[in-house]
Amino acid sequence: MSETAERKMQFLYALRSKGVTDNRVLSAMEAIDRGPFIRGIFADRAYEDMPLPIACGQTISQPSVVGLMTQALHISPRDKVLEVGTGSGYQAAILSRLARRVYTIDRHSRLVREARELFEQMGLTNITAITGDGSFGLADQAPFDRIIVTAAAEDPPGTLMDQLKEGGIMVVPVGQSDAVQHLIVVRKHAMGTEYEELRQVRFVPLLEGLGKDT
């Protein structure tokens, strides 16, 4: 077995051991190589279960958190998904293997541009990546079957809740950026909203406005 194949096998084992057990999610994470999404000095750590820095002062989440968030969405092949916070593009690429259509939005145009290039190289044609203020969602494409937020809000954002279909699911980290955050699963029903807490996490804060490309 080659070193890369062994690292990938360990990668999938680590996901399972952290609670990622959905076969569709595991298959998607096996199909999408995390390597190309990490550039520079951290590239050789792509298969470790840890968050890593990327451009514009952002991070790529640790794979087990990506897996757990994806699993909590219960995506079906007909779903239209909104991701707020494109970052490296890794999460959107995984979503693209599970959903009919993925819209991903980020405040940093450099990250969107680099993610688009990767999606094209990988032949992922069902992702639309947009530069914009994700805290406002994407009203012209709403409503969405599923929404995933990869930055921490103080509360589940009302604007995004309005863009979630009845019967839809949103996964969002909630809490102050310098304190403990909790990963929340929100289910929207005709009679109201149901919340479930998954685990403690740490994400960059959800900010309004467009970012500077550093």
Protein backbone atom coordinates (compact mmCIF):
# COMPACT_ATOMS: atom_id res chain seq x y z
CA MET A 1 0.00 0.00 0.00
CA SER A 2 1.36 3.45 -0.93
CA GLU A 3 1.99 6.02 1.78
CA THR A 4 -0.82 8.23 0.42
CA ALA A 5 -3.30 5.33 0.39
CA GLU A 6 -2.36 4.46 3.96
CA ARG A 7 -2.78 8.08 5.10
CA LYS A 8 -6.21 8.21 3.47
CA MET A 9 -7.25 4.96 5.16
CA GLN A 10 -6.15 6.36 8.53
CA PHE A 11 -8.04 9.57 7.67
CA LEU A 12 -11.31 7.64 7.16
CA TYR A 13 -10.70 5.58 10.30
CA ALA A 14 -10.24 8.83 12.29
CA LEU A 15 -13.55 10.13 10.92
CA ARG A 16 -15.40 6.99 11.99
CA SER A 17 -13.82 7.04 15.44
CA LYS A 18 -15.08 10.64 15.93
CA GLY A 19 -18.67 9.67 15.11
CA VAL A 20 -18.91 10.15 11.34
CA THR A 21 -20.79 6.95 10.48
CA ASP A 22 -23.05 7.91 7.55
CA ASN A 23 -21.83 5.91 4.55
CA ARG A 24 -22.79 8.57 2.00
CA VAL A 25 -20.83 11.21 3.95
CA LEU A 26 -17.82 8.91 4.33
CA SER A 27 -17.89 8.11 0.60
CA ALA A 28 -18.03 11.82 -0.26
CA MET A 29 -15.10 12.54 2.08
CA GLU A 30 -13.15 9.67 0.55
CA ALA A 31 -13.84 10.99 -2.97
CA ILE A 32 -12.82 14.60 -2.18
CA ASP A 33 -9.10 14.85 -1.49
CA ARG A 34 -8.42 17.44 1.23
CA GLY A 35 -4.86 17.90 -0.06
CA PRO A 36 -5.49 20.45 -2.86
CA PHE A 37 -7.47 22.68 -0.48
CA ILE A 38 -4.41 23.28 1.72
CA ARG A 39 -1.52 25.23 0.28
CA GLY A 40 1.92 26.22 1.48
CA ILE A 41 3.67 25.02 4.62
CA PHE A 42 0.71 23.06 5.99
CA ALA A 43 0.12 21.00 2.83
CA ASP A 44 1.76 17.88 4.31
CA ARG A 45 -0.73 17.90 7.21
CA ALA A 46 -3.82 17.66 4.97
CA TYR A 47 -4.76 14.17 6.20
CA GLU A 48 -4.55 14.98 9.91
CA ASP A 49 -7.75 15.61 11.85
CA MET A 50 -6.99 19.21 12.71
CA PRO A 51 -8.01 22.70 11.58
CA LEU A 52 -5.36 24.51 9.52
CA PRO A 53 -4.80 28.14 8.53
CA ILE A 54 -5.66 29.26 5.00
CA ALA A 55 -5.50 32.67 3.26
CA CYS A 56 -7.30 35.83 4.46
CA GLY A 57 -6.86 34.89 8.14
CA GLN A 58 -9.37 32.03 7.84
CA THR A 59 -9.14 28.32 8.64
CA ILE A 60 -10.10 25.00 7.07
CA SER A 61 -12.08 23.06 9.67
CA GLN A 62 -10.86 19.73 10.99
CA PRO A 63 -12.27 16.88 8.87
CA SER A 64 -14.18 15.24 11.71
CA VAL A 65 -16.12 18.51 12.30
CA VAL A 66 -16.78 18.81 8.55
CA GLY A 67 -18.05 15.22 8.61
CA LEU A 68 -20.27 15.70 11.66
CA MET A 69 -21.77 18.94 10.28
CA THR A 70 -22.42 17.29 6.91
CA GLN A 71 -23.94 14.22 8.57
CA ALA A 72 -26.25 16.40 10.69
CA LEU A 73 -27.70 17.99 7.53
CA HIS A 74 -29.15 14.65 6.30
CA ILE A 75 -28.77 15.78 2.68
CA SER A 76 -30.79 14.01 0.01
CA PRO A 77 -29.74 13.91 -3.67
CA ARG A 78 -32.49 16.38 -4.62
CA ASP A 79 -31.56 19.05 -2.06
CA LYS A 80 -30.47 22.60 -2.75
CA VAL A 81 -27.89 23.65 -0.15
CA LEU A 82 -26.53 27.04 0.92
CA GLU A 83 -23.12 27.24 2.58
CA VAL A 84 -22.21 30.49 4.35
CA GLY A 85 -18.40 30.75 4.48
CA THR A 86 -16.71 29.11 1.49
CA GLY A 87 -13.23 29.26 3.02
CA SER A 88 -11.00 26.76 1.21
CA GLY A 89 -13.97 25.23 -0.64
CA TYR A 90 -13.47 21.82 0.99
CA GLN A 91 -16.88 21.70 2.70
CA ALA A 92 -18.70 22.80 -0.48
CA ALA A 93 -16.90 20.12 -2.50
CA ILE A 94 -18.13 17.43 -0.11
CA LEU A 95 -21.67 18.85 -0.18
CA SER A 96 -21.56 18.73 -3.99
CA ARG A 97 -21.25 14.93 -3.87
CA LEU A 98 -24.44 14.66 -1.81
CA ALA A 99 -26.78 17.42 -3.02
CA ARG A 100 -28.34 18.43 -6.33
CA ARG A 101 -27.05 22.02 -6.13
CA VAL A 102 -24.70 23.89 -3.78
CA TYR A 103 -24.49 27.66 -3.41
CA THR A 104 -21.54 28.88 -1.36
CA ILE A 105 -20.88 32.47 -0.37
CA ASP A 106 -17.83 34.15 1.22
CA ARG A 107 -16.86 37.73 2.02
CA HIS A 108 -13.31 37.22 0.69
CA SER A 109 -13.13 37.35 -3.13
CA ARG A 110 -9.69 35.67 -3.13
CA LEU A 111 -11.05 32.60 -1.34
CA VAL A 112 -14.01 32.38 -3.72
CA ARG A 113 -11.71 32.70 -6.75
CA GLU A 114 -9.33 29.99 -5.51
CA ALA A 115 -12.21 27.68 -4.55
CA ARG A 116 -13.79 28.12 -8.00
CA GLU A 117 -10.50 27.08 -9.64
CA LEU A 118 -10.40 23.90 -7.53
CA PHE A 119 -14.04 23.06 -8.27
CA GLU A 120 -13.31 23.40 -11.98
CA GLN A 121 -10.19 21.22 -11.76
CA MET A 122 -12.19 18.56 -9.90
CA GLY A 123 -15.10 18.69 -12.36
CA LEU A 124 -17.60 19.75 -9.67
CA THR A 125 -20.15 21.48 -11.87
CA ASN A 126 -23.04 21.76 -9.39
CA ILE A 127 -21.42 24.41 -7.15
CA THR A 128 -21.99 28.15 -7.55
CA ALA A 129 -19.44 30.20 -5.55
CA ILE A 130 -20.28 33.84 -4.88
CA THR A 131 -18.46 36.75 -3.23
CA GLY A 132 -20.82 38.50 -0.84
CA ASP A 133 -22.01 39.06 2.71
CA GLY A 134 -23.12 35.61 3.82
CA SER A 135 -24.95 36.94 6.88
CA PHE A 136 -27.69 38.01 4.44
CA GLY A 137 -27.80 34.58 2.81
CA LEU A 138 -28.79 34.43 -0.86
CA ALA A 139 -32.37 35.66 -1.16
CA ASP A 140 -32.59 35.29 -4.95
CA GLN A 141 -31.98 31.52 -4.68
CA ALA A 142 -34.06 30.92 -1.54
CA PRO A 143 -35.64 28.88 -0.13
CA PHE A 144 -33.00 26.23 0.60
CA ASP A 145 -33.53 22.64 1.75
CA ARG A 146 -30.37 22.81 3.85
CA ILE A 147 -28.14 25.62 5.16
CA ILE A 148 -24.69 25.21 6.70
CA VAL A 149 -22.85 28.09 8.38
CA THR A 150 -19.10 27.69 8.86
CA ALA A 151 -18.61 30.76 11.07
CA ALA A 152 -19.97 31.38 14.56
CA ALA A 153 -23.02 33.58 15.13
CA GLU A 154 -24.32 34.75 18.51
CA ASP A 155 -27.71 33.27 17.58
CA PRO A 156 -28.96 31.32 14.56
CA PRO A 157 -29.22 34.21 12.02
CA GLY A 158 -32.86 35.24 11.41
CA THR A 159 -32.23 36.11 7.77
CA LEU A 160 -30.94 32.60 7.11
CA MET A 161 -33.83 31.06 9.03
CA ASP A 162 -36.22 32.92 6.71
CA GLN A 163 -34.43 31.39 3.69
CA LEU A 164 -34.75 27.83 5.03
CA LYS A 165 -37.62 25.74 3.67
CA GLU A 166 -40.25 24.35 5.98
CA GLY A 167 -38.93 20.88 6.83
CA GLY A 168 -35.38 22.14 6.24
CA ILE A 169 -32.29 21.79 8.42
CA MET A 170 -29.62 24.36 9.29
CA VAL A 171 -26.34 23.56 11.04
CA VAL A 172 -24.62 26.56 12.66
CA PRO A 173 -21.99 27.18 15.37
CA VAL A 174 -23.46 29.51 18.01
CA GLY A 175 -21.62 31.47 20.70
CA GLN A 176 -19.18 34.29 21.34
CA SER A 177 -16.03 33.95 19.24
CA ASP A 178 -13.73 34.13 22.30
CA ALA A 179 -15.79 31.74 24.41
CA VAL A 180 -17.19 28.24 24.05
CA GLN A 181 -19.31 27.76 20.95
CA HIS A 182 -21.87 25.03 20.38
CA LEU A 183 -22.74 23.35 17.11
CA ILE A 184 -26.51 23.63 16.77
CA VAL A 185 -28.85 21.71 14.45
CA VAL A 186 -31.98 23.73 13.67
CA ARG A 187 -35.05 22.01 12.19
CA LYS A 188 -37.78 24.24 10.80
CA HIS A 189 -41.34 22.93 11.08
CA ALA A 190 -44.78 24.37 10.33
CA MET A 191 -45.41 24.62 14.08
CA GLY A 192 -42.07 26.19 14.98
CA THR A 193 -38.38 25.50 15.31
CA GLU A 194 -36.55 22.64 17.01
CA TYR A 195 -32.95 22.97 18.24
CA GLU A 196 -30.43 20.24 19.00
CA GLU A 197 -26.94 20.78 20.40
CA LEU A 198 -24.29 18.53 18.84
CA ARG A 199 -20.97 19.41 20.47
CA GLN A 200 -18.58 22.20 21.46
CA VAL A 201 -16.60 23.75 18.60
CA ARG A 202 -14.45 26.78 17.78
CA PHE A 203 -15.03 28.74 14.57
CA VAL A 204 -14.08 32.17 13.30
CA PRO A 205 -16.90 34.72 13.89
CA LEU A 206 -19.60 35.40 11.29
CA LEU A 207 -18.87 38.96 10.17
CA GLU A 208 -20.92 41.36 8.09
CA GLY A 209 -19.57 43.16 5.03
CA LEU A 210 -16.89 42.15 2.54
CA GLY A 211 -13.39 41.16 3.68
CA LYS A 212 -9.99 42.40 2.63
CA ASP A 213 -7.99 39.98 0.51
CA THR A 214 -4.76 39.52 2.42
